[in-house]
Amino acid sequence: MSILLKNGRILDPSQGMDMVGNVLIEFDQIISVGPEVATDEIEEIYDCTGLWITPGLVDPHVHLREPGDSHKETIVSGTQAAAAGGYTTICCMPNTNPPLDTPALIDFILDRSASPEAGGVFVAPVGALTVGMAGERISDLAAMKKAGIVAASDEAFPIQDANVMSQAMEFCVQLDLPIMAHCENLALSSGGSMNEGAMSAMLGLKGIPRTAEEIAVMRNCILALHTGCRLHVMRVSSWGAVEMIRQAKYLGAPVTCEVCPMHFSFTEDSVKEFDTLFKITPPLRTRADIEMIYEGLSDGTIDCIASDHSPHASHEVDVPFEEAPFGSVGLETTVAATLTMLTHKGILTPLETVRKLSTMPAEILRLEAGTLRPGETPVAQVTVIDPNVEWTFDRNKTFSKSKNTPFHGMAFKGKPVLTFNGGEIYRDAFFEQNRYQMVR
């Protein structure tokens, strides 16, 4: 089958490309990209006038909950949500039940995500850094890399022993495997449920100090500098963490980082009604932290934007604030939040927006994704975004099994409307009704 995406604004950071043109796909492969392409015998034409044509989006931080917690999410429902969110590749975290610490479990993830009922999205597994994510014995990372992991992490159970982390980094250097680290000093954060400050004092909630994040960021950056291990810092939230990562990069440490939409969309003030939908880790910070995140995004200190899609069932969230789990779903709102909060405010250019949502996460994890260059991805991975459509998010009309999101009812400007991953095509209802043209 031949497919033509015509008259769209092509944004491909991997080629420095920002132009109006066409993308031709034949037999599930990108054939040509440019102002003029051969259009003989095209079977499907999509009029992309006024839309962005980008490399398929890449989310480096997703929780699919399977195996073990399929009441929250499954690989099938999670990949369907990813396709609706514009993603063609996602990285699934290892804190499942049991944790992803053996090749057999990695095989399970890859087989399940390739099933016909899944969303047609590539799933790149992240293996547990230590056995059972207990922070003691290093997992058999060599065997898991052979099975298909793209990185190692203990995710929400960060290694507290600096010696264990140093050994893990030295081992990962030999395997050329990056470590994805949630940076938190548990001795400082234990028992806390929101940012430590005036708001936590007023609400009578135990706070989590920003030093819990910043001390762990500093330690891990120093270890990466001395071992040469590629370190990707997840969930950056505080101004101090951004500045430490900036300095680590200046010193030559192989460090990258991500930010999640919650941390540039809301502040700790959102917690004042004890709304558990705003309980995340690290916690929502202050306006000063958001301003530093803006700066870090603009100057390249913050490399990419991740959803940190963290599904929880309604009965788990509908409890007193201190008892609720951390996290929110985000696969279907990350692009919209990024465009609304960053791109349309001039904090990121359109090309930089796509870089942080696609090209950079692919480069960091060395994935075959994040580009429109013909022949550089296994199949065509393309996302079409309407940057100007205004819509309201309804959590009851999503693919995810869980509905724990503070973005419910929020007005957005911009959303993905088409997702191509080889022969798998997700068409948003808006595009289906208004823009799609079939040529037979």
Protein backbone atom coordinates (compact mmCIF):
# COMPACT_ATOMS: atom_id res chain seq x y z
CA MET A 1 0.00 0.00 0.00
CA SER A 2 1.18 3.53 -0.79
CA ILE A 3 0.32 6.45 1.49
CA LEU A 4 0.97 10.13 0.89
CA LEU A 5 1.01 12.73 3.67
CA LYS A 6 0.80 15.96 1.72
CA ASN A 7 1.28 19.68 2.35
CA GLY A 8 2.23 19.32 6.02
CA ARG A 9 4.90 21.16 7.98
CA ILE A 10 7.65 18.55 8.20
CA LEU A 11 9.57 18.82 11.47
CA ASP A 12 12.49 16.40 11.74
CA PRO A 13 15.23 17.44 14.20
CA SER A 14 17.42 14.51 13.13
CA GLN A 15 17.88 16.30 9.81
CA GLY A 16 17.37 19.87 10.99
CA MET A 17 14.31 19.88 8.73
CA ASP A 18 11.51 22.43 9.07
CA MET A 19 9.67 22.79 5.77
CA VAL A 20 6.30 22.37 4.11
CA GLY A 21 6.26 19.22 2.04
CA ASN A 22 5.18 15.63 1.59
CA VAL A 23 6.04 12.22 3.01
CA LEU A 24 5.57 9.11 0.90
CA ILE A 25 5.15 5.70 2.55
CA GLU A 26 5.17 2.48 0.55
CA PHE A 27 5.00 -1.07 1.89
CA ASP A 28 5.25 0.26 5.46
CA GLN A 29 8.50 2.15 4.73
CA ILE A 30 9.26 5.83 4.32
CA ILE A 31 10.32 6.23 0.69
CA SER A 32 10.83 9.96 0.32
CA VAL A 33 10.49 13.23 2.23
CA GLY A 34 10.54 16.65 0.60
CA PRO A 35 8.71 19.43 -1.19
CA GLU A 36 8.02 17.22 -4.21
CA VAL A 37 7.60 13.44 -4.27
CA ALA A 38 6.34 11.07 -6.94
CA THR A 39 2.58 10.67 -6.58
CA ASP A 40 1.70 8.03 -9.16
CA GLU A 41 -0.80 5.38 -8.08
CA ILE A 42 -1.18 6.58 -4.49
CA GLU A 43 -3.78 4.52 -2.66
CA GLU A 44 -4.30 6.77 0.37
CA ILE A 45 -3.79 10.53 0.65
CA TYR A 46 -3.88 12.48 3.89
CA ASP A 47 -4.21 16.24 3.51
CA CYS A 48 -1.93 17.63 6.25
CA THR A 49 -2.30 21.33 5.42
CA GLY A 50 -1.73 23.27 8.63
CA LEU A 51 -0.54 20.14 10.46
CA TRP A 52 2.88 18.97 11.61
CA ILE A 53 4.40 15.79 10.19
CA THR A 54 6.99 14.49 12.66
CA PRO A 55 9.00 11.36 13.42
CA GLY A 56 6.98 8.95 15.53
CA LEU A 57 7.05 10.15 19.13
CA VAL A 58 9.11 8.28 21.74
CA ASP A 59 8.20 8.07 25.43
CA PRO A 60 11.14 6.91 27.57
CA HIS A 61 9.14 6.48 30.78
CA VAL A 62 5.92 4.43 30.86
CA HIS A 63 4.43 2.05 33.41
CA LEU A 64 2.42 -0.72 31.74
CA ARG A 65 1.81 -2.58 35.05
CA GLU A 66 1.88 -6.01 33.43
CA PRO A 67 2.70 -8.56 34.72
CA GLY A 68 1.04 -8.41 38.12
CA ASP A 69 -1.20 -5.35 38.21
CA SER A 70 -3.43 -5.73 35.19
CA HIS A 71 -6.33 -4.13 37.07
CA LYS A 72 -4.45 -0.85 36.60
CA GLU A 73 -3.18 -1.26 33.05
CA THR A 74 -2.17 -3.96 30.59
CA ILE A 75 0.31 -4.01 27.76
CA VAL A 76 -2.64 -3.99 25.34
CA SER A 77 -4.48 -1.02 26.89
CA GLY A 78 -1.23 0.87 27.49
CA THR A 79 -0.02 0.52 23.92
CA GLN A 80 -3.43 1.55 22.61
CA ALA A 81 -3.23 4.68 24.79
CA ALA A 82 0.29 5.29 23.47
CA ALA A 83 -0.87 5.16 19.84
CA ALA A 84 -3.67 7.60 20.65
CA GLY A 85 -1.09 9.86 22.26
CA GLY A 86 1.05 9.97 19.10
CA TYR A 87 3.72 7.52 20.27
CA THR A 88 5.24 4.84 18.08
CA THR A 89 7.82 3.69 20.67
CA ILE A 90 7.57 3.56 24.46
CA CYS A 91 9.93 2.30 27.16
CA CYS A 92 8.25 0.27 29.89
CA MET A 93 9.55 0.46 33.44
CA PRO A 94 10.59 -2.66 35.38
CA ASN A 95 8.61 -2.13 38.62
CA THR A 96 6.00 -4.74 37.77
CA ASN A 97 5.03 -7.73 39.92
CA PRO A 98 7.37 -9.56 39.67
CA PRO A 99 9.98 -6.99 38.60
CA LEU A 100 11.52 -7.30 35.15
CA ASP A 101 14.80 -8.84 36.31
CA THR A 102 15.06 -11.97 34.12
CA PRO A 103 15.28 -12.62 30.36
CA ALA A 104 12.05 -14.64 30.53
CA LEU A 105 10.10 -11.62 31.72
CA ILE A 106 11.65 -9.46 29.01
CA ASP A 107 10.53 -12.05 26.45
CA PHE A 108 7.02 -11.88 27.91
CA ILE A 109 6.88 -8.09 27.46
CA LEU A 110 8.10 -8.23 23.87
CA ASP A 111 5.76 -11.08 22.90
CA ARG A 112 2.72 -9.47 24.49
CA SER A 113 3.37 -6.07 22.93
CA ALA A 114 3.66 -7.69 19.48
CA SER A 115 0.26 -9.40 19.77
CA PRO A 116 -2.45 -8.44 17.23
CA GLU A 117 -4.71 -6.89 19.88
CA ALA A 118 -2.00 -4.51 21.14
CA GLY A 119 -1.75 -0.95 19.91
CA GLY A 120 0.88 -1.48 17.22
CA VAL A 121 3.48 0.43 19.24
CA PHE A 122 7.07 -0.72 19.76
CA VAL A 123 7.75 -1.47 23.43
CA ALA A 124 11.37 -1.22 24.57
CA PRO A 125 11.75 -2.86 28.00
CA VAL A 126 13.89 -1.40 30.79
CA GLY A 127 15.33 -4.11 33.02
CA ALA A 128 15.61 -4.03 36.81
CA LEU A 129 19.07 -2.84 37.82
CA THR A 130 19.17 -5.03 40.93
CA VAL A 131 17.51 -8.36 41.65
CA GLY A 132 13.96 -7.73 42.79
CA MET A 133 14.82 -4.01 42.73
CA ALA A 134 16.05 -4.54 46.28
CA GLY A 135 19.17 -2.41 45.78
CA GLU A 136 21.59 -5.16 46.76
CA ARG A 137 22.66 -7.61 44.00
CA ILE A 138 23.13 -6.50 40.39
CA SER A 139 20.75 -8.28 38.01
CA ASP A 140 22.00 -10.42 35.14
CA LEU A 141 22.05 -7.39 32.87
CA ALA A 142 24.10 -9.09 30.17
CA ALA A 143 21.45 -11.77 29.68
CA MET A 144 18.66 -9.21 29.77
CA LYS A 145 20.41 -6.99 27.23
CA LYS A 146 20.65 -9.98 24.93
CA ALA A 147 16.91 -10.49 25.49
CA GLY A 148 16.17 -6.90 24.49
CA ILE A 149 16.40 -4.34 27.30
CA VAL A 150 17.52 -0.83 26.31
CA ALA A 151 18.42 0.43 29.79
CA ALA A 152 18.47 -0.58 33.45
CA SER A 153 16.68 1.03 36.37
CA ASP A 154 15.35 0.37 39.84
CA GLU A 155 12.74 3.06 39.09
CA ALA A 156 10.67 3.92 42.19
CA PHE A 157 13.08 1.97 44.44
CA PRO A 158 16.26 4.03 43.99
CA ILE A 159 19.54 2.47 45.11
CA GLN A 160 20.57 4.09 48.38
CA ASP A 161 24.01 2.50 48.75
CA ALA A 162 26.56 4.54 46.78
CA ASN A 163 28.89 1.55 46.56
CA VAL A 164 26.19 -0.60 44.94
CA MET A 165 25.38 2.20 42.50
CA SER A 166 29.04 2.64 41.64
CA GLN A 167 29.42 -1.09 40.96
CA ALA A 168 26.25 -1.07 38.85
CA MET A 169 27.59 1.82 36.78
CA GLU A 170 30.94 0.11 36.22
CA PHE A 171 29.13 -3.01 35.03
CA CYS A 172 26.82 -1.01 32.74
CA VAL A 173 29.84 0.71 31.17
CA GLN A 174 31.11 -2.70 30.07
CA LEU A 175 27.69 -3.52 28.61
CA ASP A 176 27.25 -0.07 27.06
CA LEU A 177 23.91 0.11 28.85
CA PRO A 178 22.49 3.35 30.28
CA ILE A 179 21.07 3.61 33.78
CA MET A 180 17.76 5.41 34.21
CA ALA A 181 17.64 6.74 37.74
CA HIS A 182 14.84 8.06 39.87
CA CYS A 183 16.89 10.22 42.21
CA GLU A 184 15.64 10.26 45.78
CA ASN A 185 17.30 10.02 49.18
CA LEU A 186 14.75 7.92 51.05
CA ALA A 187 16.15 8.84 54.46
CA LEU A 188 15.01 12.40 53.77
CA SER A 189 11.74 11.68 51.96
CA SER A 190 10.35 8.76 53.97
CA GLY A 191 6.76 9.30 55.03
CA GLY A 192 6.35 12.47 53.00
CA SER A 193 3.52 13.03 50.55
CA MET A 194 4.03 16.52 49.06
CA ASN A 195 6.64 19.24 48.69
CA GLU A 196 8.05 20.44 52.00
CA GLY A 197 7.23 24.08 52.54
CA ALA A 198 4.58 26.53 53.67
CA MET A 199 1.79 24.63 51.90
CA SER A 200 2.64 21.28 53.53
CA ALA A 201 2.80 23.02 56.93
CA MET A 202 -0.58 24.65 56.36
CA LEU A 203 -2.18 21.35 55.29
CA GLY A 204 -0.55 19.39 58.09
CA LEU A 205 1.09 16.96 55.67
CA LYS A 206 4.63 15.63 56.07
CA GLY A 207 6.73 17.22 53.37
CA ILE A 208 9.36 15.84 51.03
CA PRO A 209 12.31 18.26 50.94
CA ARG A 210 13.86 19.17 47.61
CA THR A 211 17.19 18.06 49.08
CA ALA A 212 15.95 14.45 48.87
CA GLU A 213 16.04 14.79 45.09
CA GLU A 214 19.04 17.06 44.79
CA ILE A 215 21.44 15.05 46.96
CA ALA A 216 20.64 11.90 44.97
CA VAL A 217 21.03 13.76 41.65
CA MET A 218 24.41 15.12 42.75
CA ARG A 219 25.65 11.71 43.92
CA ASN A 220 24.59 9.94 40.74
CA CYS A 221 26.03 12.64 38.48
CA ILE A 222 29.39 12.45 40.29
CA LEU A 223 29.42 8.65 39.96
CA ALA A 224 28.59 8.94 36.25
CA LEU A 225 31.42 11.44 35.82
CA HIS A 226 33.96 9.11 37.42
CA THR A 227 32.75 5.80 35.93
CA GLY A 228 31.79 7.05 32.47
CA CYS A 229 28.39 5.36 32.75
CA ARG A 230 25.57 6.90 30.75
CA LEU A 231 23.08 8.22 33.30
CA HIS A 232 19.54 9.35 32.49
CA VAL A 233 17.90 11.23 35.37
CA MET A 234 14.15 10.68 35.43
CA ARG A 235 11.48 13.08 36.70
CA VAL A 236 13.53 16.24 37.27
CA SER A 237 11.41 18.59 39.38
CA SER A 238 13.49 21.09 41.37
CA TRP A 239 15.56 24.09 40.35
CA GLY A 240 18.55 22.67 42.24
CA ALA A 241 18.40 19.39 40.33
CA VAL A 242 18.29 21.25 37.01
CA GLU A 243 21.33 23.33 37.98
CA MET A 244 23.30 20.29 39.16
CA ILE A 245 22.63 18.47 35.90
CA ARG A 246 23.71 21.58 33.99
CA GLN A 247 27.00 21.64 35.91
CA ALA A 248 27.51 17.88 35.48
CA LYS A 249 27.17 18.29 31.72
CA TYR A 250 29.62 21.19 31.80
CA LEU A 251 32.14 18.92 33.55
CA GLY A 252 31.71 16.28 30.87
CA ALA A 253 29.56 13.75 32.71
CA PRO A 254 27.52 11.54 30.32
CA VAL A 255 24.26 12.70 31.88
CA THR A 256 20.84 13.30 30.31
CA CYS A 257 17.50 14.01 31.91
CA GLU A 258 13.76 14.27 31.40
CA VAL A 259 10.89 16.31 32.77
CA CYS A 260 7.24 15.26 33.00
CA PRO A 261 4.24 17.49 32.17
CA MET A 262 2.95 17.54 35.74
CA HIS A 263 6.12 19.32 36.85
CA PHE A 264 5.77 22.18 34.37
CA SER A 265 1.96 22.39 34.54
CA PHE A 266 1.14 22.53 38.25
CA THR A 267 2.60 23.71 41.57
CA GLU A 268 2.17 22.52 45.15
CA ASP A 269 -0.81 24.87 45.46
CA SER A 270 -2.84 22.30 43.51
CA VAL A 271 -2.69 19.99 46.53
CA LYS A 272 -4.57 22.39 48.82
CA GLU A 273 -7.87 20.55 48.41
CA PHE A 274 -6.14 17.27 49.35
CA ASP A 275 -6.74 16.09 45.79
CA THR A 276 -4.91 12.78 45.39
CA LEU A 277 -4.75 13.24 41.61
CA PHE A 278 -1.96 15.75 42.26
CA LYS A 279 0.14 13.33 44.30
CA ILE A 280 3.23 12.43 42.31
CA THR A 281 6.88 11.68 42.90
CA PRO A 282 8.91 13.83 43.04
CA PRO A 283 6.16 16.10 44.39
CA LEU A 284 4.84 19.20 42.69
CA ARG A 285 7.16 22.06 43.54
CA THR A 286 6.86 25.87 43.27
CA ARG A 287 6.63 28.52 40.57
CA ALA A 288 10.38 29.16 40.97
CA ASP A 289 11.05 25.51 40.12
CA ILE A 290 8.85 25.72 37.02
CA GLU A 291 10.73 28.83 35.86
CA MET A 292 14.02 26.93 36.15
CA ILE A 293 12.50 23.99 34.27
CA TYR A 294 11.52 26.42 31.50
CA GLU A 295 15.12 27.64 31.38
CA GLY A 296 16.48 24.09 31.37
CA LEU A 297 14.19 23.16 28.49
CA SER A 298 15.17 26.24 26.52
CA ASP A 299 18.94 25.88 26.93
CA GLY A 300 19.03 22.11 26.42
CA THR A 301 19.88 21.09 29.98
CA ILE A 302 16.63 19.11 30.01
CA ASP A 303 16.90 16.73 27.08
CA CYS A 304 13.44 15.27 26.72
CA ILE A 305 9.84 15.18 27.89
CA ALA A 306 8.36 11.92 29.23
CA SER A 307 4.85 11.08 30.36
CA ASP A 308 5.73 9.00 33.45
CA HIS A 309 2.43 7.26 32.70
CA SER A 310 1.56 5.74 36.11
CA PRO A 311 -1.89 4.14 36.16
CA HIS A 312 -3.72 3.42 39.43
CA ALA A 313 -7.23 2.03 39.86
CA SER A 314 -9.92 4.39 41.17
CA HIS A 315 -10.31 2.56 44.49
CA GLU A 316 -6.58 3.01 45.12
CA VAL A 317 -6.70 6.77 44.51
CA ASP A 318 -9.98 7.53 46.29
CA VAL A 319 -8.43 7.43 49.77
CA PRO A 320 -6.96 10.00 52.20
CA PHE A 321 -4.08 11.95 50.61
CA GLU A 322 -1.31 10.41 52.71
CA GLU A 323 -2.48 6.88 51.85
CA ALA A 324 -2.78 7.39 48.09
CA PRO A 325 -0.16 6.08 45.64
CA PHE A 326 2.08 8.46 43.70
CA GLY A 327 1.55 9.02 39.98
CA SER A 328 -0.89 9.85 37.19
CA VAL A 329 -1.65 8.61 33.68
CA GLY A 330 -0.22 10.71 30.89
CA LEU A 331 0.19 8.96 27.54
CA GLU A 332 -2.81 10.71 26.00
CA THR A 333 -2.14 14.18 27.42
CA THR A 334 1.65 14.68 27.25
CA VAL A 335 1.75 16.12 23.73
CA ALA A 336 -1.23 18.40 24.38
CA ALA A 337 0.22 19.63 27.68
CA THR A 338 3.59 20.26 26.06
CA LEU A 339 2.11 22.27 23.19
CA THR A 340 -0.22 24.20 25.47
CA MET A 341 2.19 24.93 28.32
CA LEU A 342 5.46 25.26 26.41
CA THR A 343 5.25 25.59 22.63
CA HIS A 344 2.40 28.07 22.39
CA LYS A 345 4.03 30.14 25.15
CA GLY A 346 7.27 30.41 23.18
CA ILE A 347 9.36 28.38 25.62
CA LEU A 348 10.09 25.78 22.94
CA THR A 349 10.10 26.20 19.17
CA PRO A 350 8.13 23.62 17.17
CA LEU A 351 11.38 21.91 16.11
CA GLU A 352 12.67 21.78 19.70
CA THR A 353 9.30 20.45 20.84
CA VAL A 354 9.61 17.52 18.45
CA ARG A 355 13.26 17.03 19.43
CA LYS A 356 12.29 16.55 23.08
CA LEU A 357 9.31 14.32 22.30
CA SER A 358 10.97 12.12 19.70
CA THR A 359 14.54 12.53 18.49
CA MET A 360 16.34 13.01 21.81
CA PRO A 361 14.76 10.10 23.74
CA ALA A 362 15.53 7.89 20.73
CA GLU A 363 19.16 9.06 20.70
CA ILE A 364 19.58 8.70 24.47
CA LEU A 365 18.39 5.08 24.44
CA ARG A 366 19.80 4.31 20.97
CA LEU A 367 16.45 3.30 19.57
CA GLU A 368 15.68 2.87 15.89
CA ALA A 369 13.24 5.76 16.01
CA GLY A 370 13.05 9.55 16.13
CA THR A 371 13.75 10.25 12.45
CA LEU A 372 12.01 10.50 9.08
CA ARG A 373 15.14 9.51 7.14
CA PRO A 374 14.22 6.70 4.72
CA GLY A 375 15.62 3.34 5.79
CA GLU A 376 16.69 4.33 9.31
CA THR A 377 13.74 2.79 11.16
CA PRO A 378 12.44 -0.80 10.84
CA VAL A 379 9.13 0.52 9.50
CA ALA A 380 7.68 3.96 8.89
CA GLN A 381 7.18 5.73 12.23
CA VAL A 382 5.32 8.99 11.69
CA THR A 383 3.09 11.19 13.83
CA VAL A 384 0.81 13.92 12.52
CA ILE A 385 -0.04 16.69 15.00
CA ASP A 386 -2.61 19.45 14.77
CA PRO A 387 -0.89 22.22 16.77
CA ASN A 388 -3.92 24.50 16.85
CA VAL A 389 -6.98 22.33 17.47
CA GLU A 390 -8.68 23.33 20.73
CA TRP A 391 -10.21 20.51 22.73
CA THR A 392 -11.05 19.42 26.26
CA PHE A 393 -9.60 16.24 27.73
CA ASP A 394 -12.11 13.70 29.06
CA ARG A 395 -10.55 10.89 31.04
CA ASN A 396 -13.65 8.76 30.44
CA LYS A 397 -12.86 8.64 26.72
CA THR A 398 -9.37 7.22 26.91
CA PHE A 399 -7.81 3.85 26.20
CA SER A 400 -6.07 3.55 29.56
CA LYS A 401 -7.76 1.34 32.14
CA SER A 402 -7.00 3.89 34.88
CA LYS A 403 -8.36 7.44 35.09
CA ASN A 404 -6.07 9.04 37.68
CA THR A 405 -5.23 12.33 35.98
CA PRO A 406 -5.48 15.96 37.06
CA PHE A 407 -5.86 17.01 33.41
CA HIS A 408 -9.52 15.90 33.29
CA GLY A 409 -11.66 18.74 31.98
CA MET A 410 -8.65 20.85 31.00
CA ALA A 411 -8.72 22.84 27.77
CA PHE A 412 -5.77 22.13 25.48
CA LYS A 413 -4.48 23.57 22.23
CA GLY A 414 -2.90 20.91 20.03
CA LYS A 415 -3.06 17.11 19.80
CA PRO A 416 -1.81 14.15 17.75
CA VAL A 417 -4.33 13.15 15.08
CA LEU A 418 -2.54 10.39 13.15
CA THR A 419 -0.01 7.79 14.26
CA PHE A 420 1.70 5.54 11.71
CA ASN A 421 3.78 2.58 12.81
CA GLY A 422 4.29 0.47 9.73
CA GLY A 423 0.92 -0.93 8.73
CA GLU A 424 -0.67 0.11 12.03
CA ILE A 425 -2.49 3.43 11.76
CA TYR A 426 -4.32 5.25 14.54
CA ARG A 427 -6.71 7.93 13.29
CA ASP A 428 -8.09 10.43 15.78
CA ALA A 429 -11.82 11.07 15.42
CA PHE A 430 -11.17 14.74 14.62
CA PHE A 431 -8.97 13.88 11.67
CA GLU A 432 -11.28 11.11 10.50
CA GLN A 433 -14.22 13.49 10.36
CA ASN A 434 -12.52 16.58 8.99
CA ARG A 435 -9.27 15.98 7.10
CA TYR A 436 -8.96 12.42 5.83
CA GLN A 437 -9.20 11.84 2.09
CA MET A 438 -9.13 8.41 0.48
CA VAL A 439 -8.06 8.02 -3.16
CA ARG A 440 -8.90 4.71 -4.77
